[in-house]
PDB file of N, CA and C in Angstrom:
ATOM      1  N   UNK A   1      -9.016 -26.699 -22.540  1.00  0.00           N
ATOM      2  CA  UNK A   1      -7.956 -25.543 -22.363  1.00  0.00           C
ATOM      3  C   UNK A   1      -8.331 -24.500 -21.682  1.00  0.00           C
ATOM      4  N   UNK A   2      -9.469 -23.992 -22.093  1.00  0.00           N
ATOM      5  CA  UNK A   2      -9.891 -22.603 -21.115  1.00  0.00           C
ATOM      6  C   UNK A   2     -10.083 -23.056 -19.565  1.00  0.00           C
ATOM      7  N   UNK A   3     -10.552 -24.265 -19.171  1.00  0.00           N
ATOM      8  CA  UNK A   3     -10.972 -24.650 -17.869  1.00  0.00           C
ATOM      9  C   UNK A   3      -9.645 -24.554 -17.225  1.00  0.00           C
ATOM     10  N   UNK A   4      -8.606 -25.036 -17.862  1.00  0.00           N
ATOM     11  CA  UNK A   4      -7.139 -25.238 -17.085  1.00  0.00           C
ATOM     12  C   UNK A   4      -6.677 -23.758 -16.940  1.00  0.00           C
ATOM     13  N   UNK A   5      -6.634 -22.865 -17.973  1.00  0.00           N
ATOM     14  CA  UNK A   5      -6.104 -21.742 -18.158  1.00  0.00           C
ATOM     15  C   UNK A   5      -6.891 -20.868 -16.849  1.00  0.00           C
ATOM     16  N   UNK A   6      -7.966 -20.772 -16.750  1.00  0.00           N
ATOM     17  CA  UNK A   6      -8.916 -19.958 -15.957  1.00  0.00           C
ATOM     18  C   UNK A   6      -8.534 -20.176 -14.334  1.00  0.00           C
ATOM     19  N   UNK A   7      -8.078 -21.493 -14.064  1.00  0.00           N
ATOM     20  CA  UNK A   7      -7.630 -21.786 -12.480  1.00  0.00           C
ATOM     21  C   UNK A   7      -6.222 -20.958 -12.220  1.00  0.00           C
ATOM     22  N   UNK A   8      -5.415 -20.523 -13.094  1.00  0.00           N
ATOM     23  CA  UNK A   8      -4.355 -19.961 -12.909  1.00  0.00           C
ATOM     24  C   UNK A   8      -4.551 -18.459 -12.730  1.00  0.00           C
ATOM     25  N   UNK A   9      -5.616 -17.814 -13.361  1.00  0.00           N
ATOM     26  CA  UNK A   9      -5.759 -16.698 -13.261  1.00  0.00           C
ATOM     27  C   UNK A   9      -6.528 -16.163 -11.788  1.00  0.00           C
ATOM     28  N   UNK A  10      -6.966 -17.242 -11.043  1.00  0.00           N
ATOM     29  CA  UNK A  10      -7.533 -16.841  -9.813  1.00  0.00           C
ATOM     30  C   UNK A  10      -6.711 -16.095  -8.742  1.00  0.00           C
ATOM     31  N   UNK A  11      -7.175 -15.612  -7.855  1.00  0.00           N
ATOM     32  CA  UNK A  11      -6.483 -14.774  -6.701  1.00  0.00           C
ATOM     33  C   UNK A  11      -6.152 -15.968  -5.756  1.00  0.00           C
ATOM     34  N   UNK A  12      -4.886 -15.691  -5.307  1.00  0.00           N
ATOM     35  CA  UNK A  12      -4.327 -16.788  -4.393  1.00  0.00           C
ATOM     36  C   UNK A  12      -5.410 -16.787  -2.949  1.00  0.00           C
ATOM     37  N   UNK A  13      -5.923 -17.725  -2.620  1.00  0.00           N
ATOM     38  CA  UNK A  13      -6.987 -17.904  -1.380  1.00  0.00           C
ATOM     39  C   UNK A  13      -6.374 -17.429   0.030  1.00  0.00           C
ATOM     40  N   UNK A  14      -4.918 -17.514   0.075  1.00  0.00           N
ATOM     41  CA  UNK A  14      -4.212 -17.356   1.239  1.00  0.00           C
ATOM     42  C   UNK A  14      -3.552 -15.952   1.394  1.00  0.00           C
ATOM     43  N   UNK A  15      -3.750 -15.280   0.608  1.00  0.00           N
ATOM     44  CA  UNK A  15      -3.270 -13.723   0.418  1.00  0.00           C
ATOM     45  C   UNK A  15      -4.562 -12.863   1.192  1.00  0.00           C
ATOM     46  N   UNK A  16      -4.380 -12.019   1.939  1.00  0.00           N
ATOM     47  CA  UNK A  16      -5.209 -11.273   2.621  1.00  0.00           C
ATOM     48  C   UNK A  16      -6.114 -10.354   1.605  1.00  0.00           C
ATOM     49  N   UNK A  17      -7.039  -9.799   1.578  1.00  0.00           N
ATOM     50  CA  UNK A  17      -7.657  -8.775   0.714  1.00  0.00           C
ATOM     51  C   UNK A  17      -7.283  -7.751   0.855  1.00  0.00           C
ATOM     52  N   UNK A  18      -7.899  -6.531   0.226  1.00  0.00           N
ATOM     53  CA  UNK A  18      -7.480  -5.504   0.687  1.00  0.00           C
ATOM     54  C   UNK A  18      -8.572  -4.856   2.073  1.00  0.00           C
ATOM     55  N   UNK A  19      -8.080  -4.613   3.052  1.00  0.00           N
ATOM     56  CA  UNK A  19      -9.183  -4.199   4.044  1.00  0.00           C
ATOM     57  C   UNK A  19      -9.886  -3.232   3.944  1.00  0.00           C
ATOM     58  N   UNK A  20     -10.843  -2.910   4.690  1.00  0.00           N
ATOM     59  CA  UNK A  20     -11.873  -1.908   4.327  1.00  0.00           C
ATOM     60  C   UNK A  20     -11.228  -0.377   4.607  1.00  0.00           C
ATOM     61  N   UNK A  21     -10.142  -0.312   5.621  1.00  0.00           N
ATOM     62  CA  UNK A  21      -9.541   0.751   5.646  1.00  0.00           C
ATOM     63  C   UNK A  21      -8.488   1.187   4.595  1.00  0.00           C
ATOM     64  N   UNK A  22      -8.164   0.220   3.734  1.00  0.00           N
ATOM     65  CA  UNK A  22      -7.306   0.372   2.755  1.00  0.00           C
ATOM     66  C   UNK A  22      -8.178   1.051   1.512  1.00  0.00           C
ATOM     67  N   UNK A  23      -9.375   0.556   1.301  1.00  0.00           N
ATOM     68  CA  UNK A  23     -10.443   0.756   0.130  1.00  0.00           C
ATOM     69  C   UNK A  23     -10.835   2.077   0.626  1.00  0.00           C
ATOM     70  N   UNK A  24     -11.155   2.473   2.155  1.00  0.00           N
ATOM     71  CA  UNK A  24     -11.692   3.876   2.353  1.00  0.00           C
ATOM     72  C   UNK A  24     -10.611   4.919   1.799  1.00  0.00           C
ATOM     73  N   UNK A  25      -9.478   4.564   1.812  1.00  0.00           N
ATOM     74  CA  UNK A  25      -8.418   5.633   1.868  1.00  0.00           C
ATOM     75  C   UNK A  25      -8.190   6.065   0.433  1.00  0.00           C
ATOM     76  N   UNK A  26      -8.422   4.793  -0.472  1.00  0.00           N
ATOM     77  CA  UNK A  26      -8.207   5.262  -1.824  1.00  0.00           C
ATOM     78  C   UNK A  26      -8.872   6.438  -2.472  1.00  0.00           C
ATOM     79  N   UNK A  27      -9.959   6.554  -2.398  1.00  0.00           N
ATOM     80  CA  UNK A  27     -10.780   7.971  -2.935  1.00  0.00           C
ATOM     81  C   UNK A  27      -9.979   9.266  -2.390  1.00  0.00           C
ATOM     82  N   UNK A  28      -9.252   9.138  -1.349  1.00  0.00           N
ATOM     83  CA  UNK A  28      -8.435  10.295  -0.728  1.00  0.00           C
ATOM     84  C   UNK A  28      -7.047  10.465  -1.302  1.00  0.00           C
ATOM     85  N   UNK A  29      -6.274   9.405  -1.632  1.00  0.00           N
ATOM     86  CA  UNK A  29      -5.279   9.395  -2.368  1.00  0.00           C
ATOM     87  C   UNK A  29      -5.542  10.006  -3.755  1.00  0.00           C
ATOM     88  N   UNK A  30      -4.417  10.764  -4.284  1.00  0.00           N
ATOM     89  CA  UNK A  30      -4.344  11.582  -5.623  1.00  0.00           C
ATOM     90  C   UNK A  30      -3.911  10.156  -6.635  1.00  0.00           C
ATOM     91  N   UNK A  31      -4.012  10.801  -7.878  1.00  0.00           N
ATOM     92  CA  UNK A  31      -3.277   9.660  -8.695  1.00  0.00           C
ATOM     93  C   UNK A  31      -1.828   9.615  -9.013  1.00  0.00           C
ATOM     94  N   UNK A  32      -1.294  10.838  -8.377  1.00  0.00           N
ATOM     95  CA  UNK A  32       0.023  11.073  -8.035  1.00  0.00           C
ATOM     96  C   UNK A  32       0.635  10.083  -7.160  1.00  0.00           C
ATOM     97  N   UNK A  33      -0.074   9.844  -6.045  1.00  0.00           N
ATOM     98  CA  UNK A  33       0.080   9.108  -4.871  1.00  0.00           C
ATOM     99  C   UNK A  33       0.122   7.492  -5.326  1.00  0.00           C
ATOM    100  N   UNK A  34      -1.084   7.242  -6.080  1.00  0.00           N
ATOM    101  CA  UNK A  34      -1.094   5.786  -6.585  1.00  0.00           C
ATOM    102  C   UNK A  34      -0.041   5.459  -7.595  1.00  0.00           C
ATOM    103  N   UNK A  35       0.505   6.519  -8.390  1.00  0.00           N
ATOM    104  CA  UNK A  35       1.361   6.130  -9.403  1.00  0.00           C
ATOM    105  C   UNK A  35       2.943   5.978  -8.684  1.00  0.00           C
ATOM    106  N   UNK A  36       2.843   6.824  -7.571  1.00  0.00           N
ATOM    107  CA  UNK A  36       4.366   6.777  -6.646  1.00  0.00           C
ATOM    108  C   UNK A  36       4.346   5.263  -6.118  1.00  0.00           C
ATOM    109  N   UNK A  37       3.188   4.942  -5.559  1.00  0.00           N
ATOM    110  CA  UNK A  37       3.696   3.567  -4.779  1.00  0.00           C
ATOM    111  C   UNK A  37       3.156   2.193  -6.008  1.00  0.00           C
ATOM    112  N   UNK A  38       2.889   2.501  -7.047  1.00  0.00           N
ATOM    113  CA  UNK A  38       2.571   1.404  -8.195  1.00  0.00           C
ATOM    114  C   UNK A  38       4.181   1.236  -8.657  1.00  0.00           C
ATOM    115  N   UNK A  39       4.159  -0.091  -8.970  1.00  0.00           N
ATOM    116  CA  UNK A  39       5.564  -0.494  -9.682  1.00  0.00           C
ATOM    117  C   UNK A  39       5.164  -0.660 -11.007  1.00  0.00           C
ATOM    118  N   UNK A  40       5.992  -0.960 -11.885  1.00  0.00           N
ATOM    119  CA  UNK A  40       6.177  -1.794 -13.422  1.00  0.00           C
ATOM    120  C   UNK A  40       6.058  -3.171 -13.299  1.00  0.00           C
ATOM    121  N   UNK A  41       5.488  -3.961 -13.984  1.00  0.00           N
ATOM    122  CA  UNK A  41       5.478  -5.530 -14.276  1.00  0.00           C
ATOM    123  C   UNK A  41       6.856  -5.501 -15.029  1.00  0.00           C
ATOM    124  N   UNK A  42       7.429  -6.695 -15.063  1.00  0.00           N
ATOM    125  CA  UNK A  42       8.758  -6.959 -15.695  1.00  0.00           C
ATOM    126  C   UNK A  42       8.504  -8.544 -16.158  1.00  0.00           C
ATOM    127  N   UNK A  43       9.341  -8.510 -16.990  1.00  0.00           N
ATOM    128  CA  UNK A  43       9.189  -9.656 -17.458  1.00  0.00           C
ATOM    129  C   UNK A  43       9.542 -11.235 -16.671  1.00  0.00           C
ATOM    130  N   UNK A  44      10.142 -10.936 -15.645  1.00  0.00           N
ATOM    131  CA  UNK A  44      10.538 -11.769 -14.417  1.00  0.00           C
ATOM    132  C   UNK A  44       9.525 -11.828 -13.320  1.00  0.00           C
ATOM    133  N   UNK A  45       8.818 -10.856 -13.385  1.00  0.00           N
ATOM    134  CA  UNK A  45       7.769 -11.033 -12.074  1.00  0.00           C
ATOM    135  C   UNK A  45       6.739  -9.937 -12.173  1.00  0.00           C
ATOM    136  N   UNK A  46       5.618 -10.205 -11.643  1.00  0.00           N
ATOM    137  CA  UNK A  46       4.250  -9.235 -11.483  1.00  0.00           C
ATOM    138  C   UNK A  46       4.640  -8.256 -10.563  1.00  0.00           C
ATOM    139  N   UNK A  47       4.349  -6.955 -10.779  1.00  0.00           N
ATOM    140  CA  UNK A  47       4.429  -6.113  -9.162  1.00  0.00           C
ATOM    141  C   UNK A  47       3.534  -6.455  -8.511  1.00  0.00           C
ATOM    142  N   UNK A  48       3.409  -5.895  -7.227  1.00  0.00           N
ATOM    143  CA  UNK A  48       2.409  -6.058  -6.109  1.00  0.00           C
ATOM    144  C   UNK A  48       1.529  -4.663  -6.411  1.00  0.00           C
ATOM    145  N   UNK A  49       0.127  -5.212  -6.520  1.00  0.00           N
ATOM    146  CA  UNK A  49      -0.522  -3.826  -6.558  1.00  0.00           C
ATOM    147  C   UNK A  49      -0.446  -2.594  -5.763  1.00  0.00           C
ATOM    148  N   UNK A  50      -0.945  -1.717  -6.024  1.00  0.00           N
ATOM    149  CA  UNK A  50      -0.949  -0.440  -4.978  1.00  0.00           C
ATOM    150  C   UNK A  50      -1.708  -0.262  -3.893  1.00  0.00           C
ATOM    151  N   UNK A  51      -2.705  -1.326  -4.269  1.00  0.00           N
ATOM    152  CA  UNK A  51      -3.823  -1.769  -2.946  1.00  0.00           C
ATOM    153  C   UNK A  51      -3.038  -2.285  -1.975  1.00  0.00           C
ATOM    154  N   UNK A  52      -2.539  -3.399  -2.592  1.00  0.00           N
ATOM    155  CA  UNK A  52      -1.624  -4.428  -1.380  1.00  0.00           C
ATOM    156  C   UNK A  52      -0.489  -3.679  -0.956  1.00  0.00           C
ATOM    157  N   UNK A  53      -0.049  -2.397  -1.385  1.00  0.00           N
ATOM    158  CA  UNK A  53       1.446  -1.976  -0.661  1.00  0.00           C
ATOM    159  C   UNK A  53       0.392  -1.047   0.427  1.00  0.00           C
ATOM    160  N   UNK A  54      -0.694  -0.268   0.015  1.00  0.00           N
ATOM    161  CA  UNK A  54      -1.383   0.369   1.257  1.00  0.00           C
ATOM    162  C   UNK A  54      -2.156  -0.650   1.994  1.00  0.00           C
ATOM    163  N   UNK A  55      -2.390  -1.699   1.651  1.00  0.00           N
ATOM    164  CA  UNK A  55      -2.749  -2.773   2.895  1.00  0.00           C
ATOM    165  C   UNK A  55      -1.462  -2.860   3.648  1.00  0.00           C
ATOM    166  N   UNK A  56      -0.499  -3.409   3.437  1.00  0.00           N
ATOM    167  CA  UNK A  56       0.403  -3.885   4.073  1.00  0.00           C
ATOM    168  C   UNK A  56       1.038  -2.704   5.056  1.00  0.00           C
ATOM    169  N   UNK A  57       1.123  -1.424   4.659  1.00  0.00           N
ATOM    170  CA  UNK A  57       1.449  -0.114   5.384  1.00  0.00           C
ATOM    171  C   UNK A  57       0.602  -0.020   6.472  1.00  0.00           C
ATOM    172  N   UNK A  58      -1.061  -0.062   6.138  1.00  0.00           N
ATOM    173  CA  UNK A  58      -1.835   0.454   7.059  1.00  0.00           C
ATOM    174  C   UNK A  58      -1.863  -0.648   8.117  1.00  0.00           C
ATOM    175  N   UNK A  59      -1.613  -2.038   7.741  1.00  0.00           N
ATOM    176  CA  UNK A  59      -1.249  -3.060   8.515  1.00  0.00           C
ATOM    177  C   UNK A  59      -0.264  -2.835   9.839  1.00  0.00           C
ATOM    178  N   UNK A  60       0.906  -2.522   9.157  1.00  0.00           N
ATOM    179  CA  UNK A  60       1.944  -2.082  10.016  1.00  0.00           C
ATOM    180  C   UNK A  60       1.774  -1.004  10.931  1.00  0.00           C
ATOM    181  N   UNK A  61       1.193   0.258  10.539  1.00  0.00           N
ATOM    182  CA  UNK A  61       0.846   1.281  11.413  1.00  0.00           C
ATOM    183  C   UNK A  61      -0.457   0.846  12.160  1.00  0.00           C
ATOM    184  N   UNK A  62      -1.146  -0.007  11.950  1.00  0.00           N
ATOM    185  CA  UNK A  62      -2.288  -0.110  12.610  1.00  0.00           C
ATOM    186  C   UNK A  62      -1.722  -1.033  14.037  1.00  0.00           C
ATOM    187  N   UNK A  63      -1.224  -1.968  13.850  1.00  0.00           N
ATOM    188  CA  UNK A  63      -0.569  -2.888  14.624  1.00  0.00           C
ATOM    189  C   UNK A  63       0.477  -2.863  15.260  1.00  0.00           C
ATOM    190  N   UNK A  64       1.382  -2.525  14.512  1.00  0.00           N
ATOM    191  CA  UNK A  64       2.890  -2.343  15.074  1.00  0.00           C
ATOM    192  C   UNK A  64       3.809  -3.641  15.129  1.00  0.00           C
ATOM    193  N   UNK A  65       3.365  -4.692  14.407  1.00  0.00           N
ATOM    194  CA  UNK A  65       3.701  -6.139  14.201  1.00  0.00           C
ATOM    195  C   UNK A  65       4.941  -5.650  13.251  1.00  0.00           C
ATOM    196  N   UNK A  66       5.961  -6.718  13.595  1.00  0.00           N
ATOM    197  CA  UNK A  66       7.420  -6.471  12.779  1.00  0.00           C
ATOM    198  C   UNK A  66       7.115  -6.976  11.334  1.00  0.00           C
ATOM    199  N   UNK A  67       8.172  -6.609  10.695  1.00  0.00           N
ATOM    200  CA  UNK A  67       8.257  -6.610   9.158  1.00  0.00           C
ATOM    201  C   UNK A  67       8.276  -8.122   8.767  1.00  0.00           C
ATOM    202  N   UNK A  68       8.755  -8.811   9.666  1.00  0.00           N
ATOM    203  CA  UNK A  68       8.708 -10.498   9.455  1.00  0.00           C
ATOM    204  C   UNK A  68       7.171 -10.960   9.469  1.00  0.00           C
ATOM    205  N   UNK A  69       6.528 -10.338  10.444  1.00  0.00           N
ATOM    206  CA  UNK A  69       5.146 -11.305  11.112  1.00  0.00           C
ATOM    207  C   UNK A  69       4.339 -10.528   9.652  1.00  0.00           C
ATOM    208  N   UNK A  70       4.317  -9.199   9.470  1.00  0.00           N
ATOM    209  CA  UNK A  70       3.471  -8.739   8.221  1.00  0.00           C
ATOM    210  C   UNK A  70       3.963  -9.437   6.780  1.00  0.00           C
ATOM    211  N   UNK A  71       5.386  -9.389   6.705  1.00  0.00           N
ATOM    212  CA  UNK A  71       5.657 -10.269   5.418  1.00  0.00           C
ATOM    213  C   UNK A  71       5.097 -11.767   5.334  1.00  0.00           C
ATOM    214  N   UNK A  72       5.218 -12.413   6.412  1.00  0.00           N
ATOM    215  CA  UNK A  72       4.421 -13.746   6.471  1.00  0.00           C
ATOM    216  C   UNK A  72       3.054 -14.013   6.295  1.00  0.00           C
ATOM    217  N   UNK A  73       2.371 -12.667   6.820  1.00  0.00           N
ATOM    218  CA  UNK A  73       1.096 -12.866   6.592  1.00  0.00           C
ATOM    219  C   UNK A  73       0.500 -12.330   5.156  1.00  0.00           C
ATOM    220  N   UNK A  74       1.303 -11.766   4.325  1.00  0.00           N
ATOM    221  CA  UNK A  74       0.907 -10.871   3.142  1.00  0.00           C
ATOM    222  C   UNK A  74       1.639 -12.039   2.091  1.00  0.00           C
ATOM    223  N   UNK A  75       2.489 -13.214   2.437  1.00  0.00           N
ATOM    224  CA  UNK A  75       3.431 -13.857   1.620  1.00  0.00           C
ATOM    225  C   UNK A  75       4.262 -12.744   0.859  1.00  0.00           C
ATOM    226  N   UNK A  76       4.883 -12.088   1.305  1.00  0.00           N
ATOM    227  CA  UNK A  76       5.995 -11.101   0.744  1.00  0.00           C
ATOM    228  C   UNK A  76       7.176 -11.158   1.309  1.00  0.00           C
ATOM    229  N   UNK A  77       8.247 -10.881   0.853  1.00  0.00           N
ATOM    230  CA  UNK A  77       9.691 -10.850   1.285  1.00  0.00           C
ATOM    231  C   UNK A  77       9.699  -9.647   2.287  1.00  0.00           C
ATOM    232  N   UNK A  78      10.498 -10.217   3.526  1.00  0.00           N
ATOM    233  CA  UNK A  78      10.866  -9.310   4.466  1.00  0.00           C
ATOM    234  C   UNK A  78      11.437  -7.999   4.168  1.00  0.00           C
ATOM    235  N   UNK A  79      12.249  -7.974   2.814  1.00  0.00           N
ATOM    236  CA  UNK A  79      13.149  -7.000   2.091  1.00  0.00           C
ATOM    237  C   UNK A  79      12.195  -6.033   1.576  1.00  0.00           C
ATOM    238  N   UNK A  80      11.192  -6.732   0.920  1.00  0.00           N
ATOM    239  CA  UNK A  80      10.092  -6.167   0.171  1.00  0.00           C
ATOM    240  C   UNK A  80       9.633  -5.284   0.929  1.00  0.00           C
ATOM    241  N   UNK A  81       8.976  -5.778   2.260  1.00  0.00           N
ATOM    242  CA  UNK A  81       8.099  -5.000   3.195  1.00  0.00           C
ATOM    243  C   UNK A  81       8.835  -3.761   3.801  1.00  0.00           C
ATOM    244  N   UNK A  82      10.132  -3.984   4.067  1.00  0.00           N
ATOM    245  CA  UNK A  82      10.950  -3.035   4.630  1.00  0.00           C
ATOM    246  C   UNK A  82      11.518  -1.891   3.550  1.00  0.00           C
ATOM    247  N   UNK A  83      11.111  -2.325   2.245  1.00  0.00           N
ATOM    248  CA  UNK A  83      11.227  -0.956   1.387  1.00  0.00           C
ATOM    249  C   UNK A  83      10.103  -0.309   1.249  1.00  0.00           C
ATOM    250  N   UNK A  84       8.935  -1.044   1.167  1.00  0.00           N
ATOM    251  CA  UNK A  84       7.493  -0.785   0.986  1.00  0.00           C
ATOM    252  C   UNK A  84       6.943   0.242   1.843  1.00  0.00           C
ATOM    253  N   UNK A  85       7.216  -0.147   3.023  1.00  0.00           N
ATOM    254  CA  UNK A  85       6.536   0.721   4.263  1.00  0.00           C
ATOM    255  C   UNK A  85       6.979   2.100   4.367  1.00  0.00           C
ATOM    256  N   UNK A  86       8.203   2.317   4.128  1.00  0.00           N
ATOM    257  CA  UNK A  86       8.632   3.875   4.000  1.00  0.00           C
ATOM    258  C   UNK A  86       8.279   4.703   2.719  1.00  0.00           C
ATOM    259  N   UNK A  87       8.191   3.791   1.563  1.00  0.00           N
ATOM    260  CA  UNK A  87       7.889   4.497   0.414  1.00  0.00           C
ATOM    261  C   UNK A  87       6.263   4.806   0.533  1.00  0.00           C
ATOM    262  N   UNK A  88       5.392   4.097   1.393  1.00  0.00           N
ATOM    263  CA  UNK A  88       3.881   4.274   1.196  1.00  0.00           C
ATOM    264  C   UNK A  88       3.682   5.477   2.455  1.00  0.00           C
ATOM    265  N   UNK A  89       4.399   5.385   3.338  1.00  0.00           N
ATOM    266  CA  UNK A  89       4.261   6.336   4.514  1.00  0.00           C
ATOM    267  C   UNK A  89       4.836   7.842   4.056  1.00  0.00           C
ATOM    268  N   UNK A  90       5.828   8.025   2.955  1.00  0.00           N
ATOM    269  CA  UNK A  90       6.075   9.057   2.432  1.00  0.00           C
ATOM    270  C   UNK A  90       5.237   9.577   1.482  1.00  0.00           C
ATOM    271  N   UNK A  91       4.578   8.675   0.657  1.00  0.00           N
ATOM    272  CA  UNK A  91       3.495   9.026  -0.203  1.00  0.00           C
ATOM    273  C   UNK A  91       2.299   9.581   0.499  1.00  0.00           C
ATOM    274  N   UNK A  92       1.895   8.930   1.611  1.00  0.00           N
ATOM    275  CA  UNK A  92       0.791   9.253   2.006  1.00  0.00           C
ATOM    276  C   UNK A  92       0.783  10.721   2.886  1.00  0.00           C
ATOM    277  N   UNK A  93       1.976  10.814   3.442  1.00  0.00           N
ATOM    278  CA  UNK A  93       2.518  12.245   3.908  1.00  0.00           C
ATOM    279  C   UNK A  93       2.525  13.379   3.000  1.00  0.00           C
ATOM    280  N   UNK A  94       2.929  13.204   1.626  1.00  0.00           N
ATOM    281  CA  UNK A  94       2.915  14.124   0.736  1.00  0.00           C
ATOM    282  C   UNK A  94       1.813  14.404   0.250  1.00  0.00           C
ATOM    283  N   UNK A  95       0.866  13.296   0.156  1.00  0.00           N
ATOM    284  CA  UNK A  95      -0.375  13.603  -0.465  1.00  0.00           C
ATOM    285  C   UNK A  95      -1.427  14.440   0.652  1.00  0.00           C
ATOM    286  N   UNK A  96      -1.371  14.096   2.090  1.00  0.00           N
ATOM    287  CA  UNK A  96      -2.160  14.406   2.992  1.00  0.00           C
ATOM    288  C   UNK A  96      -1.742  15.974   3.796  1.00  0.00           C
ATOM    289  N   UNK A  97      -0.324  16.341   3.650  1.00  0.00           N
ATOM    290  CA  UNK A  97       0.265  17.048   4.401  1.00  0.00           C
ATOM    291  C   UNK A  97      -0.525  18.801   4.115  1.00  0.00           C
ATOM    292  N   UNK A  98      -0.591  18.890   2.925  1.00  0.00           N
ATOM    293  CA  UNK A  98      -1.209  20.277   2.663  1.00  0.00           C
ATOM    294  C   UNK A  98      -2.696  20.866   3.284  1.00  0.00           C
ATOM    295  N   UNK A  99      -3.336  19.463   3.114  1.00  0.00           N
ATOM    296  CA  UNK A  99      -4.780  19.439   3.662  1.00  0.00           C
ATOM    297  C   UNK A  99      -5.114  19.561   5.251  1.00  0.00           C
ATOM    298  N   UNK A 100      -4.263  18.557   5.812  1.00  0.00           N
ATOM    299  CA  UNK A 100      -4.415  18.179   7.280  1.00  0.00           C
ATOM    300  C   UNK A 100      -3.553  18.656   8.251  1.00  0.00           C
ATOM    301  N   UNK A 101      -2.185  19.428   7.518  1.00  0.00           N
ATOM    302  CA  UNK A 101      -1.509  19.979   8.297  1.00  0.00           C
ATOM    303  C   UNK A 101      -1.019  21.565   7.783  1.00  0.00           C
ATOM    304  N   UNK A 102      -1.811  22.260   7.735  1.00  0.00           N
ATOM    305  CA  UNK A 102      -1.759  23.582   6.949  1.00  0.00           C
ATOM    306  C   UNK A 102      -1.075  24.546   7.925  1.00  0.00           C
ATOM    307  N   UNK A 103       0.191  25.245   7.147  1.00  0.00           N
ATOM    308  CA  UNK A 103       0.951  26.197   7.772  1.00  0.00           C
ATOM    309  C   UNK A 103       0.094  27.248   8.486  1.00  0.00           C
ATOM    310  N   UNK A 104       0.111  27.755   9.802  1.00  0.00           N
ATOM    311  CA  UNK A 104      -0.519  28.621  10.325  1.00  0.00           C
ATOM    312  C   UNK A 104      -0.079  29.803  10.045  1.00  0.00           C
ATOM    313  N   UNK A 105      -1.149  30.961   9.599  1.00  0.00           N
ATOM    314  CA  UNK A 105      -0.981  32.305   9.176  1.00  0.00           C
ATOM    315  C   UNK A 105      -0.261  33.123  10.115  1.00  0.00           C
ATOM    316  N   UNK A 106      -0.344  34.525  10.032  1.00  0.00           N
ATOM    317  CA  UNK A 106       0.103  35.588  11.187  1.00  0.00           C
ATOM    318  C   UNK A 106      -0.895  35.549  12.122  1.00  0.00           C
ATOM    319  N   UNK A 107      -2.148  35.782  11.740  1.00  0.00           N
ATOM    320  CA  UNK A 107      -3.196  36.088  12.537  1.00  0.00           C
ATOM    321  C   UNK A 107      -3.230  34.736  13.606  1.00  0.00           C
ATOM    322  N   UNK A 108      -3.295  33.642  13.347  1.00  0.00           N
ATOM    323  CA  UNK A 108      -3.111  32.134  14.170  1.00  0.00           C
ATOM    324  C   UNK A 108      -1.891  32.391  14.859  1.00  0.00           C
ATOM    325  N   UNK A 109      -1.055  33.028  14.850  1.00  0.00           N
ATOM    326  CA  UNK A 109       0.055  32.858  15.753  1.00  0.00           C
ATOM    327  C   UNK A 109       0.109  33.884  16.986  1.00  0.00           C
ATOM    328  N   UNK A 110      -0.681  34.957  16.798  1.00  0.00           N
ATOM    329  CA  UNK A 110      -1.022  35.915  17.658  1.00  0.00           C
ATOM    330  C   UNK A 110      -1.924  35.308  18.717  1.00  0.00           C
TER     331      UNK A 110
END
């Protein structure tokens, strides 16, 4: 029984793994950002992990592929990808805006 159960716990080999760019971004993101792009598992489905959300979003931003192409490569629905990308981009913006887009002071305007 243990042998048959373990084969169902393995990761799908056709799903792309988290790219190095997504893994490199995770230390910069705050716990609030990770929590914001994470969803809860339900009785009917398992949620897509936050790393996968970030991978999908970075793939879209880097390549400019259509939602259909990205959905096919990550084996996710087109509607899932179309809802996920704006959420992740907004979370990244909220996380990094204060650090990298500082409001100029009075001295900088002169």
